[in-house]
Amino acid sequence: MPRMDPHRVVSLLLVVAYLCGAVVEAGWSAALLMALPLSGLMGMLWHADVVADFTGSLGLTPIRRASPLGAVRGLLWALLLVPLVGWVASLVTGR
């Protein structure tokens, strides 16, 4: 059996935790609203090599060379961690 990528394991656990927390705090409708963007981010993180290698036209801006894989993964992780940072900040400030 091939070795599982740690980015995949941790991102899957984080997304499942987000969705379980959303069900507990705000109900199923909130979890369903969060599921699509979180699964999109997780999918891009799982296939970050494909995202980084993308070249071509994206709207009006042509992309002429591939992006560094580390930068793409870093940006995707930052976006995936935004809800966690917001939750921790709300605990710290008490709001």
PDB file of N, CA and C in Angstrom:
ATOM      1  N   MET A   1       0.852  -1.188   0.000  1.00  0.00           N
ATOM      2  CA  MET A   1       0.000   0.000   0.000  1.00  0.00           C
ATOM      3  C   MET A   1       0.891   1.243   0.000  1.00  0.00           C
ATOM      4  N   PRO A   2       0.599   2.224  -0.879  1.00  0.00           N
ATOM      5  CA  PRO A   2       1.438   3.416  -0.928  1.00  0.00           C
ATOM      6  C   PRO A   2       1.293   4.262   0.335  1.00  0.00           C
ATOM      7  N   ARG A   3       2.365   4.953   0.659  1.00  0.00           N
ATOM      8  CA  ARG A   3       2.382   5.805   1.836  1.00  0.00           C
ATOM      9  C   ARG A   3       1.484   7.025   1.619  1.00  0.00           C
ATOM     10  N   MET A   4       0.703   7.363   2.620  1.00  0.00           N
ATOM     11  CA  MET A   4      -0.234   8.490   2.513  1.00  0.00           C
ATOM     12  C   MET A   4       0.513   9.799   2.732  1.00  0.00           C
ATOM     13  N   ASP A   5       0.211  10.780   1.907  1.00  0.00           N
ATOM     14  CA  ASP A   5       0.810  12.103   2.008  1.00  0.00           C
ATOM     15  C   ASP A   5       0.322  12.775   3.293  1.00  0.00           C
ATOM     16  N   PRO A   6       1.234  13.302   4.138  1.00  0.00           N
ATOM     17  CA  PRO A   6       0.782  13.938   5.384  1.00  0.00           C
ATOM     18  C   PRO A   6      -0.115  15.155   5.147  1.00  0.00           C
ATOM     19  N   HIS A   7       0.061  15.850   4.031  1.00  0.00           N
ATOM     20  CA  HIS A   7      -0.817  16.983   3.727  1.00  0.00           C
ATOM     21  C   HIS A   7      -2.255  16.506   3.566  1.00  0.00           C
ATOM     22  N   ARG A   8      -2.418  15.345   2.974  1.00  0.00           N
ATOM     23  CA  ARG A   8      -3.771  14.808   2.771  1.00  0.00           C
ATOM     24  C   ARG A   8      -4.409  14.386   4.086  1.00  0.00           C
ATOM     25  N   VAL A   9      -3.646  13.703   4.923  1.00  0.00           N
ATOM     26  CA  VAL A   9      -4.193  13.206   6.191  1.00  0.00           C
ATOM     27  C   VAL A   9      -4.596  14.373   7.098  1.00  0.00           C
ATOM     28  N   VAL A  10      -3.689  15.333   7.279  1.00  0.00           N
ATOM     29  CA  VAL A  10      -3.962  16.444   8.195  1.00  0.00           C
ATOM     30  C   VAL A  10      -5.087  17.324   7.661  1.00  0.00           C
ATOM     31  N   SER A  11      -5.094  17.596   6.352  1.00  0.00           N
ATOM     32  CA  SER A  11      -6.167  18.438   5.814  1.00  0.00           C
ATOM     33  C   SER A  11      -7.521  17.744   5.911  1.00  0.00           C
ATOM     34  N   LEU A  12      -7.570  16.435   5.694  1.00  0.00           N
ATOM     35  CA  LEU A  12      -8.825  15.703   5.831  1.00  0.00           C
ATOM     36  C   LEU A  12      -9.328  15.748   7.272  1.00  0.00           C
ATOM     37  N   LEU A  13      -8.448  15.526   8.231  1.00  0.00           N
ATOM     38  CA  LEU A  13      -8.844  15.592   9.637  1.00  0.00           C
ATOM     39  C   LEU A  13      -9.320  16.989  10.020  1.00  0.00           C
ATOM     40  N   LEU A  14      -8.648  18.014   9.507  1.00  0.00           N
ATOM     41  CA  LEU A  14      -9.023  19.388   9.819  1.00  0.00           C
ATOM     42  C   LEU A  14     -10.395  19.732   9.234  1.00  0.00           C
ATOM     43  N   VAL A  15     -10.636  19.330   8.002  1.00  0.00           N
ATOM     44  CA  VAL A  15     -11.935  19.612   7.365  1.00  0.00           C
ATOM     45  C   VAL A  15     -13.051  18.858   8.079  1.00  0.00           C
ATOM     46  N   VAL A  16     -12.816  17.616   8.454  1.00  0.00           N
ATOM     47  CA  VAL A  16     -13.826  16.856   9.195  1.00  0.00           C
ATOM     48  C   VAL A  16     -14.105  17.530  10.544  1.00  0.00           C
ATOM     49  N   ALA A  17     -13.063  18.012  11.209  1.00  0.00           N
ATOM     50  CA  ALA A  17     -13.255  18.711  12.489  1.00  0.00           C
ATOM     51  C   ALA A  17     -14.049  20.003  12.289  1.00  0.00           C
ATOM     52  N   TYR A  18     -13.752  20.759  11.224  1.00  0.00           N
ATOM     53  CA  TYR A  18     -14.512  21.970  10.928  1.00  0.00           C
ATOM     54  C   TYR A  18     -15.989  21.655  10.724  1.00  0.00           C
ATOM     55  N   LEU A  19     -16.268  20.624   9.946  1.00  0.00           N
ATOM     56  CA  LEU A  19     -17.657  20.297   9.643  1.00  0.00           C
ATOM     57  C   LEU A  19     -18.394  19.772  10.870  1.00  0.00           C
ATOM     58  N   CYS A  20     -17.719  18.967  11.688  1.00  0.00           N
ATOM     59  CA  CYS A  20     -18.352  18.497  12.936  1.00  0.00           C
ATOM     60  C   CYS A  20     -18.618  19.675  13.875  1.00  0.00           C
ATOM     61  N   GLY A  21     -17.669  20.584  13.970  1.00  0.00           N
ATOM     62  CA  GLY A  21     -17.867  21.775  14.795  1.00  0.00           C
ATOM     63  C   GLY A  21     -19.005  22.640  14.286  1.00  0.00           C
ATOM     64  N   ALA A  22     -19.132  22.747  12.978  1.00  0.00           N
ATOM     65  CA  ALA A  22     -20.220  23.534  12.404  1.00  0.00           C
ATOM     66  C   ALA A  22     -21.570  22.909  12.703  1.00  0.00           C
ATOM     67  N   VAL A  23     -21.646  21.576  12.650  1.00  0.00           N
ATOM     68  CA  VAL A  23     -22.907  20.898  12.974  1.00  0.00           C
ATOM     69  C   VAL A  23     -23.276  21.144  14.428  1.00  0.00           C
ATOM     70  N   VAL A  24     -22.301  21.043  15.316  1.00  0.00           N
ATOM     71  CA  VAL A  24     -22.568  21.226  16.745  1.00  0.00           C
ATOM     72  C   VAL A  24     -22.954  22.671  17.046  1.00  0.00           C
ATOM     73  N   GLU A  25     -22.224  23.637  16.483  1.00  0.00           N
ATOM     74  CA  GLU A  25     -22.450  25.038  16.822  1.00  0.00           C
ATOM     75  C   GLU A  25     -23.618  25.683  16.082  1.00  0.00           C
ATOM     76  N   ALA A  26     -23.789  25.337  14.799  1.00  0.00           N
ATOM     77  CA  ALA A  26     -24.764  26.077  13.998  1.00  0.00           C
ATOM     78  C   ALA A  26     -25.737  25.201  13.220  1.00  0.00           C
ATOM     79  N   GLY A  27     -25.584  23.882  13.276  1.00  0.00           N
ATOM     80  CA  GLY A  27     -26.519  22.997  12.597  1.00  0.00           C
ATOM     81  C   GLY A  27     -26.021  22.524  11.238  1.00  0.00           C
ATOM     82  N   TRP A  28     -26.836  21.649  10.642  1.00  0.00           N
ATOM     83  CA  TRP A  28     -26.472  21.015   9.386  1.00  0.00           C
ATOM     84  C   TRP A  28     -26.383  21.993   8.225  1.00  0.00           C
ATOM     85  N   SER A  29     -27.241  23.010   8.223  1.00  0.00           N
ATOM     86  CA  SER A  29     -27.220  23.951   7.098  1.00  0.00           C
ATOM     87  C   SER A  29     -25.897  24.700   7.035  1.00  0.00           C
ATOM     88  N   ALA A  30     -25.348  25.075   8.174  1.00  0.00           N
ATOM     89  CA  ALA A  30     -24.046  25.750   8.198  1.00  0.00           C
ATOM     90  C   ALA A  30     -22.947  24.806   7.733  1.00  0.00           C
ATOM     91  N   ALA A  31     -23.024  23.550   8.142  1.00  0.00           N
ATOM     92  CA  ALA A  31     -22.018  22.577   7.718  1.00  0.00           C
ATOM     93  C   ALA A  31     -22.068  22.353   6.218  1.00  0.00           C
ATOM     94  N   LEU A  32     -23.273  22.312   5.665  1.00  0.00           N
ATOM     95  CA  LEU A  32     -23.388  22.144   4.217  1.00  0.00           C
ATOM     96  C   LEU A  32     -22.860  23.361   3.463  1.00  0.00           C
ATOM     97  N   LEU A  33     -23.077  24.561   4.002  1.00  0.00           N
ATOM     98  CA  LEU A  33     -22.542  25.764   3.369  1.00  0.00           C
ATOM     99  C   LEU A  33     -21.016  25.798   3.419  1.00  0.00           C
ATOM    100  N   MET A  34     -20.445  25.245   4.467  1.00  0.00           N
ATOM    101  CA  MET A  34     -18.985  25.214   4.599  1.00  0.00           C
ATOM    102  C   MET A  34     -18.348  24.085   3.802  1.00  0.00           C
ATOM    103  N   ALA A  35     -19.108  23.057   3.496  1.00  0.00           N
ATOM    104  CA  ALA A  35     -18.540  21.861   2.883  1.00  0.00           C
ATOM    105  C   ALA A  35     -17.942  22.124   1.504  1.00  0.00           C
ATOM    106  N   LEU A  36     -18.609  22.900   0.684  1.00  0.00           N
ATOM    107  CA  LEU A  36     -18.120  23.121  -0.680  1.00  0.00           C
ATOM    108  C   LEU A  36     -16.794  23.885  -0.711  1.00  0.00           C
ATOM    109  N   PRO A  37     -16.672  25.051  -0.072  1.00  0.00           N
ATOM    110  CA  PRO A  37     -15.378  25.732  -0.133  1.00  0.00           C
ATOM    111  C   PRO A  37     -14.263  24.946   0.559  1.00  0.00           C
ATOM    112  N   LEU A  38     -14.581  24.274   1.656  1.00  0.00           N
ATOM    113  CA  LEU A  38     -13.548  23.490   2.339  1.00  0.00           C
ATOM    114  C   LEU A  38     -13.097  22.306   1.497  1.00  0.00           C
ATOM    115  N   SER A  39     -14.034  21.657   0.829  1.00  0.00           N
ATOM    116  CA  SER A  39     -13.638  20.527  -0.008  1.00  0.00           C
ATOM    117  C   SER A  39     -12.855  21.008  -1.225  1.00  0.00           C
ATOM    118  N   GLY A  40     -13.168  22.185  -1.735  1.00  0.00           N
ATOM    119  CA  GLY A  40     -12.392  22.748  -2.843  1.00  0.00           C
ATOM    120  C   GLY A  40     -10.959  23.046  -2.429  1.00  0.00           C
ATOM    121  N   LEU A  41     -10.796  23.666  -1.267  1.00  0.00           N
ATOM    122  CA  LEU A  41      -9.445  23.925  -0.759  1.00  0.00           C
ATOM    123  C   LEU A  41      -8.692  22.629  -0.509  1.00  0.00           C
ATOM    124  N   MET A  42      -9.370  21.661   0.087  1.00  0.00           N
ATOM    125  CA  MET A  42      -8.724  20.383   0.367  1.00  0.00           C
ATOM    126  C   MET A  42      -8.331  19.688  -0.931  1.00  0.00           C
ATOM    127  N   GLY A  43      -9.183  19.729  -1.930  1.00  0.00           N
ATOM    128  CA  GLY A  43      -8.858  19.124  -3.214  1.00  0.00           C
ATOM    129  C   GLY A  43      -7.659  19.782  -3.876  1.00  0.00           C
ATOM    130  N   MET A  44      -7.598  21.124  -3.806  1.00  0.00           N
ATOM    131  CA  MET A  44      -6.433  21.806  -4.375  1.00  0.00           C
ATOM    132  C   MET A  44      -5.166  21.484  -3.603  1.00  0.00           C
ATOM    133  N   LEU A  45      -5.283  21.324  -2.288  1.00  0.00           N
ATOM    134  CA  LEU A  45      -4.119  20.961  -1.483  1.00  0.00           C
ATOM    135  C   LEU A  45      -3.677  19.538  -1.799  1.00  0.00           C
ATOM    136  N   TRP A  46      -4.619  18.643  -1.974  1.00  0.00           N
ATOM    137  CA  TRP A  46      -4.286  17.252  -2.308  1.00  0.00           C
ATOM    138  C   TRP A  46      -3.582  17.169  -3.659  1.00  0.00           C
ATOM    139  N   HIS A  47      -3.936  18.052  -4.573  1.00  0.00           N
ATOM    140  CA  HIS A  47      -3.352  18.045  -5.914  1.00  0.00           C
ATOM    141  C   HIS A  47      -2.599  19.344  -6.175  1.00  0.00           C
ATOM    142  N   ALA A  48      -1.831  19.782  -5.187  1.00  0.00           N
ATOM    143  CA  ALA A  48      -1.107  21.050  -5.285  1.00  0.00           C
ATOM    144  C   ALA A  48      -0.093  21.036  -6.419  1.00  0.00           C
ATOM    145  N   ASP A  49       0.450  19.874  -6.758  1.00  0.00           N
ATOM    146  CA  ASP A  49       1.407  19.807  -7.854  1.00  0.00           C
ATOM    147  C   ASP A  49       0.743  20.172  -9.182  1.00  0.00           C
ATOM    148  N   VAL A  50      -0.501  19.761  -9.371  1.00  0.00           N
ATOM    149  CA  VAL A  50      -1.232  20.107 -10.592  1.00  0.00           C
ATOM    150  C   VAL A  50      -1.565  21.597 -10.599  1.00  0.00           C
ATOM    151  N   VAL A  51      -1.977  22.123  -9.451  1.00  0.00           N
ATOM    152  CA  VAL A  51      -2.302  23.543  -9.349  1.00  0.00           C
ATOM    153  C   VAL A  51      -1.050  24.383  -9.613  1.00  0.00           C
ATOM    154  N   ALA A  52       0.085  23.969  -9.070  1.00  0.00           N
ATOM    155  CA  ALA A  52       1.331  24.722  -9.245  1.00  0.00           C
ATOM    156  C   ALA A  52       1.822  24.678 -10.685  1.00  0.00           C
ATOM    157  N   ASP A  53       1.560  23.604 -11.399  1.00  0.00           N
ATOM    158  CA  ASP A  53       2.023  23.461 -12.778  1.00  0.00           C
ATOM    159  C   ASP A  53       1.112  24.141 -13.794  1.00  0.00           C
ATOM    160  N   PHE A  54      -0.002  24.718 -13.336  1.00  0.00           N
ATOM    161  CA  PHE A  54      -0.946  25.323 -14.280  1.00  0.00           C
ATOM    162  C   PHE A  54      -0.322  26.507 -14.995  1.00  0.00           C
ATOM    163  N   THR A  55      -0.414  26.502 -16.308  1.00  0.00           N
ATOM    164  CA  THR A  55      -0.065  27.655 -17.137  1.00  0.00           C
ATOM    165  C   THR A  55      -1.187  27.829 -18.153  1.00  0.00           C
ATOM    166  N   GLY A  56      -1.350  29.018 -18.608  1.00  0.00           N
ATOM    167  CA  GLY A  56      -2.407  29.276 -19.580  1.00  0.00           C
ATOM    168  C   GLY A  56      -3.100  30.579 -19.266  1.00  0.00           C
ATOM    169  N   SER A  57      -4.304  30.714 -19.740  1.00  0.00           N
ATOM    170  CA  SER A  57      -5.049  31.945 -19.561  1.00  0.00           C
ATOM    171  C   SER A  57      -6.051  31.789 -18.421  1.00  0.00           C
ATOM    172  N   LEU A  58      -6.002  32.732 -17.513  1.00  0.00           N
ATOM    173  CA  LEU A  58      -6.942  32.757 -16.398  1.00  0.00           C
ATOM    174  C   LEU A  58      -7.574  34.141 -16.400  1.00  0.00           C
ATOM    175  N   GLY A  59      -8.687  34.267 -17.078  1.00  0.00           N
ATOM    176  CA  GLY A  59      -9.308  35.572 -17.241  1.00  0.00           C
ATOM    177  C   GLY A  59      -8.477  36.426 -18.183  1.00  0.00           C
ATOM    178  N   LEU A  60      -8.128  37.619 -17.758  1.00  0.00           N
ATOM    179  CA  LEU A  60      -7.335  38.518 -18.586  1.00  0.00           C
ATOM    180  C   LEU A  60      -5.834  38.360 -18.363  1.00  0.00           C
ATOM    181  N   THR A  61      -5.453  37.598 -17.341  1.00  0.00           N
ATOM    182  CA  THR A  61      -4.042  37.473 -16.981  1.00  0.00           C
ATOM    183  C   THR A  61      -3.486  36.142 -17.447  1.00  0.00           C
ATOM    184  N   PRO A  62      -2.550  36.153 -18.395  1.00  0.00           N
ATOM    185  CA  PRO A  62      -1.931  34.884 -18.791  1.00  0.00           C
ATOM    186  C   PRO A  62      -0.895  34.437 -17.758  1.00  0.00           C
ATOM    187  N   ILE A  63      -0.865  33.149 -17.492  1.00  0.00           N
ATOM    188  CA  ILE A  63       0.131  32.574 -16.591  1.00  0.00           C
ATOM    189  C   ILE A  63       1.144  31.863 -17.471  1.00  0.00           C
ATOM    190  N   ARG A  64       2.363  32.384 -17.499  1.00  0.00           N
ATOM    191  CA  ARG A  64       3.354  31.896 -18.449  1.00  0.00           C
ATOM    192  C   ARG A  64       4.312  30.861 -17.887  1.00  0.00           C
ATOM    193  N   ARG A  65       4.417  30.778 -16.559  1.00  0.00           N
ATOM    194  CA  ARG A  65       5.306  29.765 -15.982  1.00  0.00           C
ATOM    195  C   ARG A  65       4.681  29.186 -14.723  1.00  0.00           C
ATOM    196  N   ALA A  66       5.143  28.009 -14.376  1.00  0.00           N
ATOM    197  CA  ALA A  66       4.591  27.307 -13.215  1.00  0.00           C
ATOM    198  C   ALA A  66       4.952  28.028 -11.917  1.00  0.00           C
ATOM    199  N   SER A  67       4.130  27.835 -10.912  1.00  0.00           N
ATOM    200  CA  SER A  67       4.366  28.414  -9.597  1.00  0.00           C
ATOM    201  C   SER A  67       5.171  27.444  -8.742  1.00  0.00           C
ATOM    202  N   PRO A  68       5.905  27.956  -7.756  1.00  0.00           N
ATOM    203  CA  PRO A  68       6.626  27.052  -6.845  1.00  0.00           C
ATOM    204  C   PRO A  68       5.634  26.240  -6.001  1.00  0.00           C
ATOM    205  N   LEU A  69       5.875  24.952  -5.923  1.00  0.00           N
ATOM    206  CA  LEU A  69       4.974  24.067  -5.191  1.00  0.00           C
ATOM    207  C   LEU A  69       4.856  24.475  -3.727  1.00  0.00           C
ATOM    208  N   GLY A  70       5.947  24.847  -3.103  1.00  0.00           N
ATOM    209  CA  GLY A  70       5.912  25.261  -1.700  1.00  0.00           C
ATOM    210  C   GLY A  70       5.060  26.487  -1.465  1.00  0.00           C
ATOM    211  N   ALA A  71       5.127  27.444  -2.395  1.00  0.00           N
ATOM    212  CA  ALA A  71       4.318  28.657  -2.259  1.00  0.00           C
ATOM    213  C   ALA A  71       2.832  28.341  -2.413  1.00  0.00           C
ATOM    214  N   VAL A  72       2.501  27.453  -3.341  1.00  0.00           N
ATOM    215  CA  VAL A  72       1.097  27.073  -3.541  1.00  0.00           C
ATOM    216  C   VAL A  72       0.582  26.346  -2.312  1.00  0.00           C
ATOM    217  N   ARG A  73       1.351  25.389  -1.809  1.00  0.00           N
ATOM    218  CA  ARG A  73       0.919  24.666  -0.599  1.00  0.00           C
ATOM    219  C   ARG A  73       0.798  25.614   0.592  1.00  0.00           C
ATOM    220  N   GLY A  74       1.744  26.532   0.736  1.00  0.00           N
ATOM    221  CA  GLY A  74       1.685  27.491   1.845  1.00  0.00           C
ATOM    222  C   GLY A  74       0.442  28.355   1.797  1.00  0.00           C
ATOM    223  N   LEU A  75       0.104  28.849   0.615  1.00  0.00           N
ATOM    224  CA  LEU A  75      -1.095  29.669   0.464  1.00  0.00           C
ATOM    225  C   LEU A  75      -2.355  28.858   0.749  1.00  0.00           C
ATOM    226  N   LEU A  76      -2.409  27.643   0.244  1.00  0.00           N
ATOM    227  CA  LEU A  76      -3.587  26.807   0.482  1.00  0.00           C
ATOM    228  C   LEU A  76      -3.728  26.456   1.955  1.00  0.00           C
ATOM    229  N   TRP A  77      -2.614  26.162   2.634  1.00  0.00           N
ATOM    230  CA  TRP A  77      -2.678  25.892   4.074  1.00  0.00           C
ATOM    231  C   TRP A  77      -3.136  27.130   4.839  1.00  0.00           C
ATOM    232  N   ALA A  78      -2.650  28.298   4.436  1.00  0.00           N
ATOM    233  CA  ALA A  78      -3.075  29.531   5.107  1.00  0.00           C
ATOM    234  C   ALA A  78      -4.583  29.720   4.968  1.00  0.00           C
ATOM    235  N   LEU A  79      -5.113  29.492   3.768  1.00  0.00           N
ATOM    236  CA  LEU A  79      -6.552  29.624   3.565  1.00  0.00           C
ATOM    237  C   LEU A  79      -7.344  28.573   4.337  1.00  0.00           C
ATOM    238  N   LEU A  80      -6.785  27.380   4.451  1.00  0.00           N
ATOM    239  CA  LEU A  80      -7.471  26.309   5.172  1.00  0.00           C
ATOM    240  C   LEU A  80      -7.451  26.547   6.686  1.00  0.00           C
ATOM    241  N   LEU A  81      -6.460  27.283   7.163  1.00  0.00           N
ATOM    242  CA  LEU A  81      -6.347  27.529   8.604  1.00  0.00           C
ATOM    243  C   LEU A  81      -7.070  28.794   9.066  1.00  0.00           C
ATOM    244  N   VAL A  82      -7.608  29.582   8.158  1.00  0.00           N
ATOM    245  CA  VAL A  82      -8.300  30.821   8.536  1.00  0.00           C
ATOM    246  C   VAL A  82      -9.447  30.564   9.525  1.00  0.00           C
ATOM    247  N   PRO A  83     -10.330  29.580   9.311  1.00  0.00           N
ATOM    248  CA  PRO A  83     -11.391  29.363  10.310  1.00  0.00           C
ATOM    249  C   PRO A  83     -10.847  28.986  11.686  1.00  0.00           C
ATOM    250  N   LEU A  84      -9.768  28.226  11.732  1.00  0.00           N
ATOM    251  CA  LEU A  84      -9.177  27.843  13.019  1.00  0.00           C
ATOM    252  C   LEU A  84      -8.624  29.065  13.734  1.00  0.00           C
ATOM    253  N   VAL A  85      -7.959  29.937  13.008  1.00  0.00           N
ATOM    254  CA  VAL A  85      -7.414  31.158  13.604  1.00  0.00           C
ATOM    255  C   VAL A  85      -8.548  32.040  14.122  1.00  0.00           C
ATOM    256  N   GLY A  86      -9.627  32.156  13.363  1.00  0.00           N
ATOM    257  CA  GLY A  86     -10.775  32.939  13.814  1.00  0.00           C
ATOM    258  C   GLY A  86     -11.413  32.362  15.063  1.00  0.00           C
ATOM    259  N   TRP A  87     -11.501  31.029  15.131  1.00  0.00           N
ATOM    260  CA  TRP A  87     -12.089  30.395  16.307  1.00  0.00           C
ATOM    261  C   TRP A  87     -11.208  30.618  17.537  1.00  0.00           C
ATOM    262  N   VAL A  88      -9.903  30.457  17.385  1.00  0.00           N
ATOM    263  CA  VAL A  88      -8.982  30.688  18.512  1.00  0.00           C
ATOM    264  C   VAL A  88      -9.032  32.146  18.948  1.00  0.00           C
ATOM    265  N   ALA A  89      -9.082  33.064  17.997  1.00  0.00           N
ATOM    266  CA  ALA A  89      -9.171  34.488  18.352  1.00  0.00           C
ATOM    267  C   ALA A  89     -10.457  34.790  19.107  1.00  0.00           C
ATOM    268  N   SER A  90     -11.554  34.140  18.741  1.00  0.00           N
ATOM    269  CA  SER A  90     -12.807  34.379  19.455  1.00  0.00           C
ATOM    270  C   SER A  90     -12.753  33.818  20.880  1.00  0.00           C
ATOM    271  N   LEU A  91     -12.018  32.709  21.055  1.00  0.00           N
ATOM    272  CA  LEU A  91     -11.854  32.186  22.405  1.00  0.00           C
ATOM    273  C   LEU A  91     -10.999  33.095  23.261  1.00  0.00           C
ATOM    274  N   VAL A  92      -9.956  33.655  22.689  1.00  0.00           N
ATOM    275  CA  VAL A  92      -9.040  34.514  23.421  1.00  0.00           C
ATOM    276  C   VAL A  92      -9.709  35.822  23.806  1.00  0.00           C
ATOM    277  N   THR A  93     -10.434  36.405  22.868  1.00  0.00           N
ATOM    278  CA  THR A  93     -11.066  37.714  23.143  1.00  0.00           C
ATOM    279  C   THR A  93     -12.394  37.579  23.869  1.00  0.00           C
ATOM    280  N   GLY A  94     -12.987  36.396  23.860  1.00  0.00           N
ATOM    281  CA  GLY A  94     -14.246  36.196  24.544  1.00  0.00           C
ATOM    282  C   GLY A  94     -15.448  36.691  23.779  1.00  0.00           C
ATOM    283  N   ARG A  95     -15.328  36.914  22.490  1.00  0.00           N
ATOM    284  CA  ARG A  95     -16.447  37.397  21.677  1.00  0.00           C
ATOM    285  C   ARG A  95     -17.110  36.286  20.944  1.00  0.00           C
TER     286      ARG A  95
END
